[in-house]
Amino acid sequence: MKKLFAFVCMLLMSTAMFAQNESMALGVNLNYGVSSDYKPFGVGARFQYEFIENVRGEALVNYYFPKDDSSVLDANINFQYLFGIGEKMNFYPVAGLSLINMMVTGDTKKALDVLGADTSKFLVGFNVGVGFEYKFTSNLKGLVEVKYQYAKSDGWKIDWEPIQLGVAYVF
C-alpha cells in the first residue's frame, strides 16, 4: 500500500511538473551527413516537448537518400538544455540515443542478394552536438544543429556529423 501511495504521489507531482510548461514544437529539417567518405542528403521530422523550464525532449526521424549504394533511416531520442541568448535565440547542447537502419541499395544490393548476404542492419548508437534556434514569431522558429553520431555492429558502422537546417511550428 505504501508503494502504491508513493507511486500515485510521484505521478501527481510529475503531472503538475508537465503542466507548468506546455511548449511543444513540430518541425521538418534538411540534413547533410558529413563524413570522410559518405556525404548523403536527407530529410527529417521532429517533435519537441519542453517538460520543465529550459529542458526538453525530442523525437527525431531522418531519412538519407541513397548514395554510393547506401541509404540510412535513423530515429533519435534526444535531450536538450536551452540557454537563452536574448529574446529570440537559444543555444542548446544535444545528447541522445540513435536507432539506425542502414540499407544497401542499387547494384551492390543485387550482388549481395545473390550471395545471400545481409543488405540491411539495425544499429543502436548515440549522438551528441549543439544547436541554435531563432524565433521568427511566437509560433515559428528556425534551427541549425550539428551532431556527432556513432553506431557500430557486426562490421556495419555510422561515424559522422550530420548538419541539420529546419523550421518548426511552436504550439
Protein backbone atom coordinates (compact mmCIF):
# COMPACT_ATOMS: atom_id res chain seq x y z
CA MET A 1 0.00 0.00 0.00
CA LYS A 2 2.88 2.39 0.78
CA LYS A 3 4.41 1.70 -2.63
CA LEU A 4 1.11 2.42 -4.36
CA PHE A 5 0.71 5.67 -2.41
CA ALA A 6 4.28 6.71 -3.29
CA PHE A 7 3.67 5.88 -6.95
CA VAL A 8 0.44 7.93 -7.04
CA CYS A 9 2.21 10.88 -5.36
CA MET A 10 5.06 10.73 -7.89
CA LEU A 11 2.56 10.53 -10.74
CA LEU A 12 0.68 13.59 -9.46
CA MET A 13 3.90 15.56 -8.98
CA SER A 14 5.11 14.70 -12.49
CA THR A 15 1.73 15.67 -13.94
CA ALA A 16 1.97 19.03 -12.16
CA MET A 17 5.52 19.43 -13.46
CA PHE A 18 4.41 18.73 -17.04
CA ALA A 19 1.51 21.14 -16.71
CA GLN A 20 3.86 24.03 -15.88
CA ASN A 21 5.39 24.15 -19.37
CA GLU A 22 3.33 23.19 -22.34
CA SER A 23 5.79 24.26 -25.00
CA MET A 24 5.73 21.82 -27.90
CA ALA A 25 7.02 22.11 -31.45
CA LEU A 26 6.60 20.12 -34.63
CA GLY A 27 9.06 20.66 -37.48
CA VAL A 28 10.88 19.49 -40.57
CA ASN A 29 14.55 19.61 -41.49
CA LEU A 30 17.04 19.13 -44.30
CA ASN A 31 20.15 17.10 -43.47
CA TYR A 32 23.62 16.70 -44.86
CA GLY A 33 25.72 13.89 -43.44
CA VAL A 34 29.35 14.96 -43.26
CA SER A 35 31.95 12.21 -43.19
CA SER A 36 35.27 11.39 -44.79
CA ASP A 37 33.72 9.05 -47.37
CA TYR A 38 29.90 9.23 -47.12
CA LYS A 39 28.05 12.53 -47.54
CA PRO A 40 24.33 11.89 -48.13
CA PHE A 41 21.46 14.37 -48.29
CA GLY A 42 18.32 13.72 -46.24
CA VAL A 43 15.04 14.99 -44.86
CA GLY A 44 13.55 14.64 -41.40
CA ALA A 45 10.77 15.46 -38.98
CA ARG A 46 10.94 16.32 -35.28
CA PHE A 47 8.70 16.71 -32.26
CA GLN A 48 9.96 18.68 -29.25
CA TYR A 49 8.43 18.89 -25.78
CA GLU A 50 9.76 21.22 -23.09
CA PHE A 51 8.80 19.29 -19.97
CA ILE A 52 10.48 21.62 -17.46
CA GLU A 53 11.81 25.12 -17.97
CA ASN A 54 14.81 25.06 -20.35
CA VAL A 55 14.83 21.23 -20.59
CA ARG A 56 13.19 19.45 -23.47
CA GLY A 57 12.98 16.07 -25.07
CA GLU A 58 12.92 15.49 -28.79
CA ALA A 59 11.89 12.66 -31.08
CA LEU A 60 13.60 12.97 -34.46
CA VAL A 61 13.36 10.81 -37.60
CA ASN A 62 15.65 11.31 -40.61
CA TYR A 63 15.90 9.57 -43.98
CA TYR A 64 19.09 9.92 -46.02
CA PHE A 65 18.57 9.29 -49.73
CA PRO A 66 20.58 6.56 -51.49
CA LYS A 67 24.16 7.48 -52.28
CA ASP A 68 27.08 5.19 -53.07
CA ASP A 69 24.65 2.23 -52.93
CA SER A 70 23.63 3.02 -49.32
CA SER A 71 20.75 4.76 -47.57
CA VAL A 72 20.10 5.42 -43.91
CA LEU A 73 16.95 5.76 -41.80
CA ASP A 74 17.57 6.96 -38.27
CA ALA A 75 15.42 7.77 -35.27
CA ASN A 76 16.75 9.71 -32.30
CA ILE A 77 15.52 10.36 -28.79
CA ASN A 78 17.36 13.48 -27.63
CA PHE A 79 17.54 15.72 -24.59
CA GLN A 80 18.39 19.40 -24.87
CA TYR A 81 19.10 22.12 -22.33
CA LEU A 82 18.22 25.62 -23.58
CA PHE A 83 20.43 28.64 -22.91
CA GLY A 84 18.67 31.87 -23.85
CA ILE A 85 20.64 34.38 -25.90
CA GLY A 86 18.48 37.47 -25.93
CA GLU A 87 14.74 37.39 -26.50
CA LYS A 88 14.62 35.35 -29.71
CA MET A 89 17.60 33.00 -29.76
CA ASN A 90 18.53 29.82 -27.88
CA PHE A 91 21.72 27.79 -27.83
CA TYR A 92 21.47 24.16 -26.68
CA PRO A 93 23.64 21.08 -26.27
CA VAL A 94 22.09 17.84 -27.55
CA ALA A 95 22.63 14.29 -26.31
CA GLY A 96 20.64 11.21 -27.18
CA LEU A 97 20.12 7.67 -28.35
CA SER A 98 20.22 6.81 -32.07
CA LEU A 99 18.37 3.88 -33.65
CA ILE A 100 19.71 3.46 -37.18
CA ASN A 101 18.75 1.22 -40.09
CA MET A 102 21.48 1.10 -42.74
CA MET A 103 20.40 -0.27 -46.12
CA VAL A 104 22.42 -1.33 -49.15
CA THR A 105 20.81 -0.25 -52.43
CA GLY A 106 21.41 -0.46 -56.19
CA ASP A 107 23.78 -2.92 -57.86
CA THR A 108 25.54 -3.72 -54.59
CA LYS A 109 22.21 -4.90 -53.12
CA LYS A 110 21.63 -7.16 -56.13
CA ALA A 111 25.08 -8.71 -55.75
CA LEU A 112 24.65 -9.25 -52.00
CA ASP A 113 21.19 -10.79 -52.55
CA VAL A 114 22.75 -13.34 -54.92
CA LEU A 115 25.37 -14.18 -52.28
CA GLY A 116 22.75 -14.37 -49.52
CA ALA A 117 24.47 -11.63 -47.51
CA ASP A 118 22.77 -9.01 -45.33
CA THR A 119 21.55 -5.93 -47.20
CA SER A 120 20.40 -4.01 -44.12
CA LYS A 121 21.42 -3.72 -40.49
CA PHE A 122 19.80 -2.19 -37.41
CA LEU A 123 22.28 -0.33 -35.19
CA VAL A 124 21.96 1.29 -31.77
CA GLY A 125 24.25 4.21 -31.01
CA PHE A 126 24.46 7.69 -29.58
CA ASN A 127 24.62 11.30 -30.71
CA VAL A 128 25.96 14.50 -29.13
CA GLY A 129 26.07 18.00 -30.51
CA VAL A 130 24.95 21.60 -30.37
CA GLY A 131 22.13 23.62 -31.85
CA PHE A 132 20.88 27.16 -32.27
CA GLU A 133 17.29 28.24 -32.78
CA TYR A 134 15.85 31.61 -33.72
CA LYS A 135 12.22 32.56 -33.05
CA PHE A 136 10.84 34.35 -36.12
CA THR A 137 7.46 34.72 -34.41
CA SER A 138 5.92 33.29 -31.24
CA ASN A 139 4.84 30.25 -33.28
CA LEU A 140 7.64 29.81 -35.86
CA LYS A 141 11.32 29.13 -35.31
CA GLY A 142 14.31 28.17 -37.41
CA LEU A 143 17.14 25.93 -36.23
CA VAL A 144 20.62 24.72 -37.08
CA GLU A 145 22.16 21.64 -35.44
CA VAL A 146 25.48 19.86 -35.77
CA LYS A 147 25.88 16.49 -34.10
CA TYR A 148 28.32 13.64 -33.90
CA GLN A 149 26.56 10.30 -34.41
CA TYR A 150 28.12 6.88 -33.83
CA ALA A 151 26.85 3.30 -34.01
CA LYS A 152 28.60 0.03 -34.85
CA SER A 153 27.61 -3.63 -35.09
CA ASP A 154 28.95 -6.66 -36.99
CA GLY A 155 31.08 -4.64 -39.41
CA TRP A 156 28.36 -2.05 -40.09
CA LYS A 157 29.14 1.42 -38.81
CA ILE A 158 27.89 5.02 -38.73
CA ASP A 159 30.51 7.56 -37.68
CA TRP A 160 29.57 11.01 -38.99
CA GLU A 161 28.48 14.55 -38.26
CA PRO A 162 25.03 15.34 -39.70
CA ILE A 163 24.22 19.01 -40.16
CA GLN A 164 20.50 19.89 -39.92
CA LEU A 165 18.64 23.03 -41.03
CA GLY A 166 15.00 23.18 -40.04
CA VAL A 167 11.85 25.06 -39.19
CA ALA A 168 9.32 24.22 -36.51
CA TYR A 169 5.85 25.35 -35.52
CA VAL A 170 5.55 26.04 -31.77
CA PHE A 171 2.19 25.33 -30.11
